[in-house]
């Protein structure tokens, strides 16, 4: 992503985005289990900022390869922020643990996309309500177990991360991000898989009614 020349030097937001992207790639990924440890033991920090999810290569069929510099067997999967806005008290730790690990797929864009790609492999049975799609307890547990087995994390602190979120995604091009990532070659596969999950959920719910 080229720096934009405004006549007063490079755009500060772009420089910030480059710093965030560099930091997410410079630190060695930690396992989900270690990320959930207390902050004092090296776990996720309770601060505003960015986090990146990395996945074992070939764990998701056809996923593009974006290897981590120090862990080439791990590919970039998804990049997120917390909080999303100034009015939120969320942190990197609360977002990752409460939504991306312990939440249902309706509260996590990452888990929703993972469920879409792993629906057959993990024998997931999504269910549709009037406003959302969820997994039952067993399916949610199988998806969480898969995350612990195949994913890893990096993160970095950054106040007001929403200011540079789009620029960071444009630089890093995480394949499972949909927002601000429409030009990614994998984007059609993500939207198609997500649509198939919603269809399966509606079909399953209709059959039980």
N, C-alpha and C. Protein backbone atom coordinates (compact mmCIF):
# COMPACT_ATOMS: atom_id res chain seq x y z
N UNK A 1 0.84 -1.18 0.00
CA UNK A 1 0.00 0.00 0.00
C UNK A 1 0.88 1.23 0.00
N UNK A 2 0.91 2.05 -1.05
CA UNK A 2 1.82 3.18 -1.13
C UNK A 2 1.41 4.29 -0.18
N UNK A 3 2.40 5.02 0.30
CA UNK A 3 2.12 6.17 1.13
C UNK A 3 1.52 7.28 0.28
N UNK A 4 0.54 7.98 0.84
CA UNK A 4 -0.11 9.07 0.11
C UNK A 4 0.61 10.37 0.41
N UNK A 5 1.06 11.02 -0.63
CA UNK A 5 1.76 12.28 -0.48
C UNK A 5 0.75 13.42 -0.47
N UNK A 6 0.61 14.09 0.66
CA UNK A 6 -0.33 15.19 0.79
C UNK A 6 0.35 16.54 0.63
N UNK A 7 1.64 16.52 0.32
CA UNK A 7 2.39 17.75 0.25
C UNK A 7 2.98 18.14 1.59
N UNK A 8 2.59 17.40 2.64
CA UNK A 8 3.12 17.67 3.98
C UNK A 8 3.78 16.41 4.54
N UNK A 9 4.18 15.52 3.64
CA UNK A 9 4.76 14.26 4.07
C UNK A 9 3.74 13.15 4.00
N UNK A 10 4.12 11.91 4.29
CA UNK A 10 3.22 10.76 4.21
C UNK A 10 2.04 10.89 5.18
N UNK A 11 0.92 10.30 4.81
CA UNK A 11 -0.26 10.25 5.66
C UNK A 11 0.08 9.50 6.95
N UNK A 12 -0.16 10.14 8.10
CA UNK A 12 0.20 9.56 9.38
C UNK A 12 -0.54 8.24 9.61
N UNK A 13 -1.79 8.15 9.15
CA UNK A 13 -2.56 6.92 9.35
C UNK A 13 -1.94 5.74 8.61
N UNK A 14 -1.38 6.01 7.44
CA UNK A 14 -0.73 4.94 6.70
C UNK A 14 0.54 4.50 7.41
N UNK A 15 1.30 5.47 7.92
CA UNK A 15 2.49 5.11 8.68
C UNK A 15 2.12 4.30 9.92
N UNK A 16 1.04 4.68 10.59
CA UNK A 16 0.57 3.92 11.74
C UNK A 16 0.17 2.50 11.34
N UNK A 17 -0.54 2.38 10.20
CA UNK A 17 -0.96 1.07 9.73
C UNK A 17 0.24 0.18 9.42
N UNK A 18 1.26 0.75 8.83
CA UNK A 18 2.46 -0.03 8.53
C UNK A 18 3.13 -0.50 9.82
N UNK A 19 3.12 0.35 10.84
CA UNK A 19 3.71 -0.02 12.12
C UNK A 19 2.93 -1.15 12.77
N UNK A 20 1.60 -1.09 12.71
CA UNK A 20 0.75 -2.15 13.27
C UNK A 20 0.99 -3.46 12.54
N UNK A 21 0.97 -3.41 11.20
CA UNK A 21 1.17 -4.63 10.41
C UNK A 21 2.54 -5.24 10.70
N UNK A 22 3.54 -4.40 10.81
CA UNK A 22 4.88 -4.90 11.10
C UNK A 22 4.94 -5.57 12.47
N UNK A 23 4.25 -4.97 13.44
CA UNK A 23 4.25 -5.53 14.79
C UNK A 23 3.53 -6.87 14.83
N UNK A 24 2.41 -6.99 14.14
CA UNK A 24 1.67 -8.25 14.13
C UNK A 24 2.46 -9.38 13.48
N UNK A 25 3.36 -9.01 12.58
CA UNK A 25 4.17 -10.02 11.89
C UNK A 25 5.52 -10.24 12.56
N UNK A 26 5.93 -9.32 13.41
CA UNK A 26 7.26 -9.42 14.02
C UNK A 26 7.26 -10.35 15.23
N UNK A 27 6.15 -10.40 15.95
CA UNK A 27 6.09 -11.26 17.13
C UNK A 27 5.72 -12.68 16.73
N UNK A 28 6.29 -13.65 17.42
CA UNK A 28 6.01 -15.05 17.10
C UNK A 28 4.61 -15.43 17.59
N UNK A 29 3.81 -16.10 16.78
CA UNK A 29 2.46 -16.47 17.20
C UNK A 29 2.46 -17.38 18.42
N UNK A 30 1.46 -17.18 19.27
CA UNK A 30 1.29 -18.04 20.44
C UNK A 30 0.03 -18.87 20.26
N UNK A 31 -0.02 -20.01 20.89
CA UNK A 31 -1.19 -20.88 20.80
C UNK A 31 -2.39 -20.20 21.45
N UNK A 32 -3.57 -20.67 21.09
CA UNK A 32 -4.78 -20.15 21.71
C UNK A 32 -4.73 -20.41 23.22
N UNK A 33 -4.30 -21.59 23.60
CA UNK A 33 -4.22 -21.93 25.02
C UNK A 33 -3.34 -20.95 25.77
N UNK A 34 -2.19 -20.61 25.21
CA UNK A 34 -1.29 -19.67 25.87
C UNK A 34 -1.85 -18.25 25.84
N UNK A 35 -2.56 -17.92 24.77
CA UNK A 35 -3.17 -16.60 24.70
C UNK A 35 -4.20 -16.37 25.77
N UNK A 36 -4.85 -17.45 26.23
CA UNK A 36 -5.88 -17.34 27.26
C UNK A 36 -5.31 -17.30 28.68
N UNK A 37 -3.99 -17.46 28.80
CA UNK A 37 -3.36 -17.36 30.11
C UNK A 37 -3.47 -15.93 30.64
N UNK A 38 -3.28 -15.71 31.94
CA UNK A 38 -3.30 -14.34 32.46
C UNK A 38 -2.28 -13.46 31.74
N UNK A 39 -2.60 -12.19 31.67
CA UNK A 39 -1.70 -11.26 30.99
C UNK A 39 -0.31 -11.29 31.61
N UNK A 40 -0.24 -11.48 32.91
CA UNK A 40 1.06 -11.52 33.59
C UNK A 40 1.88 -12.76 33.21
N UNK A 41 1.20 -13.75 32.62
CA UNK A 41 1.89 -14.97 32.19
C UNK A 41 2.09 -14.99 30.68
N UNK A 42 1.95 -13.84 30.05
CA UNK A 42 2.17 -13.75 28.61
C UNK A 42 0.92 -13.89 27.78
N UNK A 43 -0.26 -13.90 28.43
CA UNK A 43 -1.51 -14.01 27.69
C UNK A 43 -1.94 -12.70 27.07
N UNK A 44 -3.08 -12.74 26.44
CA UNK A 44 -3.62 -11.56 25.76
C UNK A 44 -3.75 -10.38 26.72
N UNK A 45 -3.40 -9.18 26.24
CA UNK A 45 -3.46 -8.00 27.12
C UNK A 45 -4.83 -7.34 27.11
N UNK A 46 -5.21 -6.77 28.24
CA UNK A 46 -6.48 -6.06 28.35
C UNK A 46 -6.27 -4.60 27.96
N UNK A 47 -5.94 -4.38 26.68
CA UNK A 47 -5.68 -3.05 26.15
C UNK A 47 -6.35 -2.91 24.79
N UNK A 48 -6.60 -1.70 24.34
CA UNK A 48 -7.08 -1.52 22.97
C UNK A 48 -5.99 -1.90 21.97
N UNK A 49 -6.39 -2.38 20.80
CA UNK A 49 -5.39 -2.69 19.80
C UNK A 49 -5.87 -3.65 18.74
N UNK A 50 -4.91 -4.31 18.11
CA UNK A 50 -5.15 -5.24 17.01
C UNK A 50 -4.74 -6.65 17.42
N UNK A 51 -5.35 -7.63 16.77
CA UNK A 51 -4.93 -9.02 16.92
C UNK A 51 -5.00 -9.69 15.55
N UNK A 52 -4.13 -10.64 15.33
CA UNK A 52 -4.12 -11.40 14.07
C UNK A 52 -4.22 -12.89 14.40
N UNK A 53 -5.07 -13.57 13.66
CA UNK A 53 -5.20 -15.02 13.78
C UNK A 53 -4.41 -15.68 12.65
N UNK A 54 -3.66 -16.72 13.00
CA UNK A 54 -2.86 -17.49 12.05
C UNK A 54 -3.30 -18.94 12.11
N UNK A 55 -3.21 -19.65 11.00
CA UNK A 55 -3.74 -21.01 10.92
C UNK A 55 -2.70 -21.97 10.34
N UNK A 56 -2.71 -23.20 10.82
CA UNK A 56 -1.84 -24.24 10.26
C UNK A 56 -2.09 -24.35 8.76
N UNK A 57 -1.03 -24.37 8.00
CA UNK A 57 -1.15 -24.46 6.55
C UNK A 57 -1.93 -25.71 6.14
N UNK A 58 -2.81 -25.53 5.18
CA UNK A 58 -3.63 -26.59 4.60
C UNK A 58 -4.76 -27.07 5.52
N UNK A 59 -4.98 -26.37 6.65
CA UNK A 59 -6.09 -26.75 7.52
C UNK A 59 -7.44 -26.36 6.92
N UNK A 60 -7.42 -25.33 6.06
CA UNK A 60 -8.63 -24.90 5.35
C UNK A 60 -8.35 -25.01 3.86
N UNK A 61 -9.13 -25.79 3.18
CA UNK A 61 -8.90 -26.06 1.76
C UNK A 61 -8.95 -24.77 0.96
N UNK A 62 -7.98 -24.58 0.08
CA UNK A 62 -7.86 -23.48 -0.87
C UNK A 62 -7.54 -22.13 -0.24
N UNK A 63 -7.28 -22.09 1.07
CA UNK A 63 -6.93 -20.82 1.69
C UNK A 63 -5.61 -20.31 1.12
N UNK A 64 -5.53 -19.02 0.72
CA UNK A 64 -4.27 -18.49 0.18
C UNK A 64 -3.17 -18.51 1.22
N UNK A 65 -1.94 -18.67 0.76
CA UNK A 65 -0.81 -18.72 1.68
C UNK A 65 -0.25 -17.32 1.90
N UNK A 66 -0.32 -16.87 3.16
CA UNK A 66 0.29 -15.63 3.62
C UNK A 66 1.11 -15.99 4.86
N UNK A 67 2.30 -16.58 4.69
CA UNK A 67 3.02 -17.15 5.83
C UNK A 67 3.54 -16.09 6.81
N UNK A 68 3.55 -16.49 8.07
CA UNK A 68 4.17 -15.64 9.09
C UNK A 68 5.68 -15.68 8.90
N UNK A 69 6.37 -14.55 9.01
CA UNK A 69 7.82 -14.51 8.74
C UNK A 69 8.64 -15.49 9.56
N UNK A 70 8.28 -15.69 10.84
CA UNK A 70 9.09 -16.59 11.68
C UNK A 70 8.43 -17.94 11.90
N UNK A 71 7.25 -18.15 11.33
CA UNK A 71 6.55 -19.42 11.46
C UNK A 71 5.90 -19.74 10.12
N UNK A 72 6.69 -20.14 9.13
CA UNK A 72 6.19 -20.30 7.76
C UNK A 72 5.12 -21.37 7.59
N UNK A 73 4.93 -22.23 8.57
CA UNK A 73 3.86 -23.23 8.50
C UNK A 73 2.51 -22.65 8.93
N UNK A 74 2.52 -21.39 9.34
CA UNK A 74 1.29 -20.71 9.73
C UNK A 74 0.96 -19.64 8.69
N UNK A 75 -0.29 -19.61 8.25
CA UNK A 75 -0.76 -18.61 7.30
C UNK A 75 -1.68 -17.61 7.98
N UNK A 76 -1.61 -16.36 7.53
CA UNK A 76 -2.50 -15.34 8.04
C UNK A 76 -3.94 -15.69 7.71
N UNK A 77 -4.83 -15.52 8.69
CA UNK A 77 -6.22 -15.90 8.53
C UNK A 77 -7.16 -14.70 8.66
N UNK A 78 -6.99 -13.91 9.72
CA UNK A 78 -7.97 -12.87 10.04
C UNK A 78 -7.30 -11.82 10.92
N UNK A 79 -7.69 -10.57 10.73
CA UNK A 79 -7.19 -9.47 11.57
C UNK A 79 -8.38 -8.73 12.15
N UNK A 80 -8.34 -8.45 13.45
CA UNK A 80 -9.43 -7.74 14.10
C UNK A 80 -8.94 -6.67 15.04
N UNK A 81 -9.89 -5.88 15.55
CA UNK A 81 -9.56 -4.82 16.49
C UNK A 81 -10.52 -4.87 17.68
N UNK A 82 -10.11 -4.23 18.74
CA UNK A 82 -11.00 -3.99 19.88
C UNK A 82 -10.44 -2.80 20.65
N UNK A 83 -11.28 -1.81 20.96
CA UNK A 83 -12.71 -1.77 20.66
C UNK A 83 -12.96 -1.30 19.23
N UNK A 84 -14.23 -1.35 18.83
CA UNK A 84 -14.62 -0.91 17.48
C UNK A 84 -14.90 0.58 17.43
N UNK A 85 -15.14 1.19 18.58
CA UNK A 85 -15.50 2.61 18.61
C UNK A 85 -15.16 3.18 19.98
N UNK A 86 -15.16 4.51 20.05
CA UNK A 86 -14.74 5.19 21.27
C UNK A 86 -15.66 4.90 22.45
N UNK A 87 -16.93 4.61 22.18
CA UNK A 87 -17.89 4.38 23.25
C UNK A 87 -17.79 2.99 23.86
N UNK A 88 -16.96 2.13 23.30
CA UNK A 88 -16.82 0.76 23.78
C UNK A 88 -15.66 0.63 24.75
N UNK A 89 -15.82 -0.24 25.74
CA UNK A 89 -14.75 -0.50 26.70
C UNK A 89 -14.01 -1.79 26.39
N UNK A 90 -14.24 -2.35 25.20
CA UNK A 90 -13.61 -3.61 24.83
C UNK A 90 -12.10 -3.53 24.74
N UNK A 91 -11.46 -4.68 24.89
CA UNK A 91 -10.01 -4.78 24.77
C UNK A 91 -9.66 -5.96 23.87
N UNK A 92 -8.42 -6.06 23.49
CA UNK A 92 -7.97 -7.22 22.71
C UNK A 92 -8.31 -8.51 23.46
N UNK A 93 -8.06 -8.54 24.74
CA UNK A 93 -8.30 -9.75 25.53
C UNK A 93 -9.79 -10.10 25.59
N UNK A 94 -10.63 -9.13 25.88
CA UNK A 94 -12.06 -9.42 26.01
C UNK A 94 -12.67 -9.83 24.67
N UNK A 95 -12.26 -9.19 23.59
CA UNK A 95 -12.81 -9.52 22.28
C UNK A 95 -12.42 -10.94 21.87
N UNK A 96 -11.15 -11.27 21.98
CA UNK A 96 -10.70 -12.59 21.55
C UNK A 96 -11.31 -13.69 22.41
N UNK A 97 -11.27 -13.52 23.72
CA UNK A 97 -11.74 -14.59 24.60
C UNK A 97 -13.26 -14.71 24.60
N UNK A 98 -13.95 -13.59 24.77
CA UNK A 98 -15.40 -13.64 24.94
C UNK A 98 -16.16 -13.93 23.65
N UNK A 99 -15.67 -13.42 22.52
CA UNK A 99 -16.38 -13.64 21.26
C UNK A 99 -15.70 -14.68 20.36
N UNK A 100 -14.41 -14.54 20.12
CA UNK A 100 -13.75 -15.42 19.16
C UNK A 100 -13.45 -16.81 19.68
N UNK A 101 -13.39 -16.98 20.99
CA UNK A 101 -13.11 -18.30 21.55
C UNK A 101 -14.34 -18.87 22.26
N UNK A 102 -14.92 -18.12 23.16
CA UNK A 102 -16.01 -18.64 23.99
C UNK A 102 -17.40 -18.30 23.46
N UNK A 103 -17.50 -17.40 22.52
CA UNK A 103 -18.80 -17.00 22.01
C UNK A 103 -19.35 -17.97 20.98
N UNK A 104 -20.60 -17.74 20.58
CA UNK A 104 -21.18 -18.51 19.49
C UNK A 104 -20.82 -17.81 18.18
N UNK A 105 -21.15 -18.42 17.06
CA UNK A 105 -20.73 -17.86 15.78
C UNK A 105 -21.44 -16.55 15.47
N UNK A 106 -22.57 -16.29 16.11
CA UNK A 106 -23.29 -15.05 15.84
C UNK A 106 -22.57 -13.82 16.38
N UNK A 107 -21.64 -14.02 17.33
CA UNK A 107 -20.94 -12.89 17.93
C UNK A 107 -19.52 -12.73 17.42
N UNK A 108 -19.13 -13.52 16.43
CA UNK A 108 -17.75 -13.49 15.94
C UNK A 108 -17.72 -13.71 14.43
N UNK A 109 -17.27 -12.70 13.70
CA UNK A 109 -17.12 -12.84 12.26
C UNK A 109 -16.14 -13.96 11.92
N UNK A 110 -15.07 -14.06 12.70
CA UNK A 110 -14.09 -15.12 12.49
C UNK A 110 -14.72 -16.50 12.64
N UNK A 111 -15.42 -16.73 13.76
CA UNK A 111 -15.99 -18.06 14.01
C UNK A 111 -17.09 -18.38 13.00
N UNK A 112 -17.81 -17.38 12.55
CA UNK A 112 -18.85 -17.60 11.55
C UNK A 112 -18.21 -18.10 10.26
N UNK A 113 -17.12 -17.44 9.83
CA UNK A 113 -16.45 -17.86 8.61
C UNK A 113 -15.82 -19.24 8.76
N UNK A 114 -15.22 -19.50 9.92
CA UNK A 114 -14.64 -20.83 10.15
C UNK A 114 -15.72 -21.90 10.09
N UNK A 115 -16.85 -21.64 10.72
CA UNK A 115 -17.95 -22.61 10.68
C UNK A 115 -18.41 -22.86 9.26
N UNK A 116 -18.41 -21.81 8.44
CA UNK A 116 -18.83 -21.95 7.04
C UNK A 116 -17.89 -22.87 6.27
N UNK A 117 -16.60 -22.73 6.49
CA UNK A 117 -15.64 -23.56 5.75
C UNK A 117 -15.49 -24.96 6.34
N UNK A 118 -15.82 -25.12 7.61
CA UNK A 118 -15.62 -26.40 8.28
C UNK A 118 -16.93 -27.13 8.56
N UNK A 119 -18.02 -26.65 7.98
CA UNK A 119 -19.34 -27.21 8.28
C UNK A 119 -19.39 -28.71 8.05
N UNK A 120 -18.88 -29.17 6.92
CA UNK A 120 -18.90 -30.60 6.62
C UNK A 120 -17.89 -31.38 7.44
N UNK A 121 -16.67 -30.87 7.51
CA UNK A 121 -15.60 -31.56 8.23
C UNK A 121 -15.93 -31.78 9.70
N UNK A 122 -16.52 -30.77 10.33
CA UNK A 122 -16.83 -30.85 11.76
C UNK A 122 -18.27 -31.28 12.04
N UNK A 123 -19.01 -31.59 10.96
CA UNK A 123 -20.41 -32.02 11.10
C UNK A 123 -21.22 -31.01 11.93
N UNK A 124 -21.12 -29.75 11.52
CA UNK A 124 -21.82 -28.68 12.22
C UNK A 124 -23.25 -28.57 11.72
N UNK A 125 -24.15 -28.28 12.63
CA UNK A 125 -25.57 -28.13 12.30
C UNK A 125 -26.03 -26.73 12.71
N UNK A 126 -25.84 -25.74 11.85
CA UNK A 126 -26.24 -24.38 12.20
C UNK A 126 -27.75 -24.25 12.30
N UNK A 127 -28.18 -23.33 13.16
CA UNK A 127 -29.59 -23.08 13.36
C UNK A 127 -29.88 -21.60 13.16
N UNK A 128 -31.01 -21.31 12.56
CA UNK A 128 -31.38 -19.92 12.29
C UNK A 128 -32.51 -19.48 13.19
N UNK A 129 -32.35 -18.32 13.81
CA UNK A 129 -33.44 -17.66 14.51
C UNK A 129 -33.85 -16.46 13.65
N UNK A 130 -34.72 -15.65 14.17
CA UNK A 130 -35.20 -14.52 13.37
C UNK A 130 -34.08 -13.54 13.06
N UNK A 131 -33.08 -13.45 13.94
CA UNK A 131 -32.05 -12.43 13.76
C UNK A 131 -30.63 -12.96 13.59
N UNK A 132 -30.40 -14.25 13.88
CA UNK A 132 -29.01 -14.71 13.84
C UNK A 132 -28.92 -16.20 13.55
N UNK A 133 -27.67 -16.63 13.25
CA UNK A 133 -27.36 -18.04 13.03
C UNK A 133 -26.43 -18.49 14.15
N UNK A 134 -26.73 -19.63 14.73
CA UNK A 134 -25.92 -20.14 15.83
C UNK A 134 -25.60 -21.61 15.63
N UNK A 135 -24.72 -22.13 16.48
CA UNK A 135 -24.44 -23.56 16.55
C UNK A 135 -24.98 -24.09 17.88
N UNK A 136 -25.33 -25.38 17.89
CA UNK A 136 -25.71 -25.97 19.16
C UNK A 136 -24.46 -26.16 20.02
N UNK A 137 -24.66 -26.59 21.25
CA UNK A 137 -23.54 -26.67 22.19
C UNK A 137 -22.44 -27.60 21.70
N UNK A 138 -22.81 -28.76 21.17
CA UNK A 138 -21.81 -29.71 20.71
C UNK A 138 -21.03 -29.18 19.51
N UNK A 139 -21.75 -28.58 18.56
CA UNK A 139 -21.07 -28.02 17.40
C UNK A 139 -20.15 -26.87 17.77
N UNK A 140 -20.61 -26.04 18.68
CA UNK A 140 -19.79 -24.93 19.15
C UNK A 140 -18.52 -25.45 19.82
N UNK A 141 -18.65 -26.53 20.57
CA UNK A 141 -17.49 -27.12 21.24
C UNK A 141 -16.51 -27.71 20.23
N UNK A 142 -17.02 -28.37 19.19
CA UNK A 142 -16.13 -28.94 18.17
C UNK A 142 -15.37 -27.85 17.43
N UNK A 143 -16.06 -26.75 17.14
CA UNK A 143 -15.38 -25.64 16.47
C UNK A 143 -14.30 -25.04 17.38
N UNK A 144 -14.60 -24.92 18.65
CA UNK A 144 -13.61 -24.38 19.59
C UNK A 144 -12.41 -25.31 19.69
N UNK A 145 -12.64 -26.60 19.74
CA UNK A 145 -11.53 -27.56 19.79
C UNK A 145 -10.66 -27.43 18.55
N UNK A 146 -11.29 -27.24 17.40
CA UNK A 146 -10.53 -27.05 16.16
C UNK A 146 -9.67 -25.80 16.26
N UNK A 147 -10.21 -24.74 16.81
CA UNK A 147 -9.44 -23.51 16.96
C UNK A 147 -8.20 -23.73 17.84
N UNK A 148 -8.39 -24.44 18.95
CA UNK A 148 -7.26 -24.70 19.83
C UNK A 148 -6.20 -25.55 19.13
N UNK A 149 -6.63 -26.43 18.25
CA UNK A 149 -5.69 -27.34 17.59
C UNK A 149 -4.95 -26.70 16.42
N UNK A 150 -5.56 -25.72 15.76
CA UNK A 150 -5.02 -25.24 14.49
C UNK A 150 -4.69 -23.76 14.40
N UNK A 151 -5.08 -22.96 15.38
CA UNK A 151 -4.88 -21.51 15.28
C UNK A 151 -3.85 -20.99 16.26
N UNK A 152 -3.32 -19.83 15.94
CA UNK A 152 -2.38 -19.13 16.81
C UNK A 152 -2.65 -17.63 16.69
N UNK A 153 -2.06 -16.86 17.60
CA UNK A 153 -2.36 -15.44 17.70
C UNK A 153 -1.12 -14.58 17.81
N UNK A 154 -1.21 -13.36 17.24
CA UNK A 154 -0.30 -12.27 17.58
C UNK A 154 -1.17 -11.05 17.86
N UNK A 155 -0.60 -10.06 18.53
CA UNK A 155 -1.38 -8.85 18.83
C UNK A 155 -0.44 -7.67 19.05
N UNK A 156 -1.03 -6.49 19.03
CA UNK A 156 -0.27 -5.28 19.36
C UNK A 156 -1.22 -4.22 19.90
N UNK A 157 -0.74 -3.43 20.83
CA UNK A 157 -1.55 -2.36 21.40
C UNK A 157 -1.60 -1.18 20.44
N UNK A 158 -2.77 -0.51 20.40
CA UNK A 158 -2.90 0.70 19.59
C UNK A 158 -4.16 1.43 20.05
N UNK A 159 -4.00 2.64 20.57
CA UNK A 159 -5.16 3.43 20.95
C UNK A 159 -5.99 3.75 19.72
N UNK A 160 -7.31 3.78 19.88
CA UNK A 160 -8.24 4.10 18.80
C UNK A 160 -7.94 3.30 17.52
N UNK A 161 -7.94 1.98 17.62
CA UNK A 161 -7.54 1.14 16.47
C UNK A 161 -8.45 1.30 15.26
N UNK A 162 -9.70 1.72 15.47
CA UNK A 162 -10.63 1.89 14.36
C UNK A 162 -10.15 2.94 13.36
N UNK A 163 -9.27 3.83 13.79
CA UNK A 163 -8.78 4.88 12.90
C UNK A 163 -7.95 4.32 11.74
N UNK A 164 -7.29 3.18 11.97
CA UNK A 164 -6.40 2.64 10.95
C UNK A 164 -6.75 1.21 10.56
N UNK A 165 -7.92 0.73 11.00
CA UNK A 165 -8.30 -0.66 10.72
C UNK A 165 -8.31 -0.96 9.23
N UNK A 166 -8.97 -0.13 8.43
CA UNK A 166 -9.06 -0.39 7.00
C UNK A 166 -7.68 -0.41 6.34
N UNK A 167 -6.82 0.49 6.77
CA UNK A 167 -5.47 0.56 6.19
C UNK A 167 -4.65 -0.67 6.54
N UNK A 168 -4.80 -1.17 7.76
CA UNK A 168 -4.08 -2.38 8.18
C UNK A 168 -4.56 -3.59 7.37
N UNK A 169 -5.87 -3.70 7.19
CA UNK A 169 -6.41 -4.81 6.40
C UNK A 169 -5.94 -4.73 4.95
N UNK A 170 -5.90 -3.52 4.41
CA UNK A 170 -5.42 -3.35 3.03
C UNK A 170 -3.96 -3.77 2.90
N UNK A 171 -3.16 -3.50 3.92
CA UNK A 171 -1.76 -3.88 3.89
C UNK A 171 -1.56 -5.39 4.05
N UNK A 172 -2.26 -5.99 5.02
CA UNK A 172 -2.01 -7.38 5.36
C UNK A 172 -2.82 -8.36 4.53
N UNK A 173 -3.99 -7.95 4.05
CA UNK A 173 -4.86 -8.78 3.22
C UNK A 173 -5.19 -10.13 3.85
N UNK A 174 -5.77 -10.12 5.04
CA UNK A 174 -6.18 -11.39 5.67
C UNK A 174 -7.36 -12.00 4.92
N UNK A 175 -7.30 -13.24 4.52
CA UNK A 175 -8.30 -13.80 3.60
C UNK A 175 -9.70 -13.95 4.17
N UNK A 176 -9.88 -14.10 5.49
CA UNK A 176 -11.22 -14.27 6.03
C UNK A 176 -11.92 -12.96 6.39
N UNK A 177 -11.22 -11.84 6.29
CA UNK A 177 -11.88 -10.55 6.51
C UNK A 177 -12.73 -10.20 5.30
N UNK A 178 -13.95 -9.78 5.56
CA UNK A 178 -14.85 -9.35 4.48
C UNK A 178 -14.85 -7.83 4.35
N UNK A 179 -15.07 -7.12 5.46
CA UNK A 179 -15.13 -5.67 5.44
C UNK A 179 -13.78 -5.08 5.04
N UNK A 180 -13.83 -4.09 4.17
CA UNK A 180 -12.63 -3.40 3.69
C UNK A 180 -11.66 -4.34 2.98
N UNK A 181 -12.16 -5.44 2.47
CA UNK A 181 -11.29 -6.44 1.85
C UNK A 181 -11.93 -7.05 0.61
N UNK A 182 -12.85 -6.30 -0.01
CA UNK A 182 -13.63 -6.84 -1.12
C UNK A 182 -12.79 -7.20 -2.34
N UNK A 183 -11.63 -6.55 -2.49
CA UNK A 183 -10.79 -6.83 -3.66
C UNK A 183 -9.93 -8.07 -3.51
N UNK A 184 -9.93 -8.68 -2.33
CA UNK A 184 -9.10 -9.88 -2.11
C UNK A 184 -9.61 -11.02 -2.99
N UNK A 185 -8.73 -11.76 -3.66
CA UNK A 185 -9.17 -12.86 -4.53
C UNK A 185 -9.98 -13.93 -3.80
N UNK A 186 -9.80 -14.05 -2.49
CA UNK A 186 -10.52 -15.08 -1.74
C UNK A 186 -11.89 -14.60 -1.27
N UNK A 187 -12.16 -13.32 -1.43
CA UNK A 187 -13.42 -12.74 -0.93
C UNK A 187 -14.66 -13.47 -1.46
N UNK A 188 -14.74 -13.79 -2.76
CA UNK A 188 -15.93 -14.52 -3.24
C UNK A 188 -16.12 -15.88 -2.57
N UNK A 189 -15.02 -16.56 -2.24
CA UNK A 189 -15.13 -17.85 -1.57
C UNK A 189 -15.70 -17.68 -0.15
N UNK A 190 -15.28 -16.60 0.52
CA UNK A 190 -15.77 -16.35 1.88
C UNK A 190 -17.26 -16.03 1.86
N UNK A 191 -17.67 -15.14 0.96
CA UNK A 191 -19.08 -14.76 0.91
C UNK A 191 -19.94 -15.95 0.50
N UNK A 192 -19.46 -16.78 -0.40
CA UNK A 192 -20.21 -17.96 -0.83
C UNK A 192 -20.36 -18.95 0.31
N UNK A 193 -19.28 -19.20 1.05
CA UNK A 193 -19.33 -20.14 2.17
C UNK A 193 -20.26 -19.63 3.27
N UNK A 194 -20.20 -18.34 3.54
CA UNK A 194 -21.08 -17.76 4.56
C UNK A 194 -22.54 -17.88 4.15
N UNK A 195 -22.82 -17.65 2.88
CA UNK A 195 -24.19 -17.77 2.38
C UNK A 195 -24.68 -19.21 2.50
N UNK A 196 -23.80 -20.17 2.20
CA UNK A 196 -24.17 -21.59 2.31
C UNK A 196 -24.48 -21.97 3.75
N UNK A 197 -23.74 -21.40 4.69
CA UNK A 197 -24.00 -21.67 6.11
C UNK A 197 -25.38 -21.13 6.49
N UNK A 198 -25.71 -19.94 6.06
CA UNK A 198 -27.03 -19.36 6.37
C UNK A 198 -28.15 -20.20 5.76
N UNK A 199 -27.93 -20.65 4.53
CA UNK A 199 -28.94 -21.49 3.88
C UNK A 199 -29.14 -22.79 4.65
N UNK A 200 -28.04 -23.42 5.05
CA UNK A 200 -28.13 -24.66 5.82
C UNK A 200 -28.85 -24.44 7.14
N UNK A 201 -28.60 -23.29 7.77
CA UNK A 201 -29.26 -22.97 9.04
C UNK A 201 -30.75 -22.81 8.85
N UNK A 202 -31.16 -22.10 7.79
CA UNK A 202 -32.58 -21.91 7.54
C UNK A 202 -33.27 -23.24 7.22
N UNK A 203 -32.61 -24.07 6.43
CA UNK A 203 -33.17 -25.37 6.08
C UNK A 203 -33.33 -26.25 7.31
N UNK A 204 -32.30 -26.24 8.17
CA UNK A 204 -32.36 -27.05 9.37
C UNK A 204 -33.47 -26.58 10.31
N UNK A 205 -33.58 -25.27 10.46
CA UNK A 205 -34.61 -24.73 11.34
C UNK A 205 -36.01 -25.01 10.81
N UNK A 206 -36.17 -24.91 9.49
CA UNK A 206 -37.48 -25.16 8.88
C UNK A 206 -37.90 -26.63 9.06
N UNK A 207 -36.92 -27.53 8.99
CA UNK A 207 -37.23 -28.95 9.13
C UNK A 207 -37.66 -29.33 10.54
N UNK A 208 -37.27 -28.52 11.53
CA UNK A 208 -37.62 -28.80 12.91
C UNK A 208 -38.93 -28.13 13.33
N UNK A 209 -39.39 -27.20 12.49
CA UNK A 209 -40.61 -26.45 12.86
C UNK A 209 -41.89 -27.18 12.45
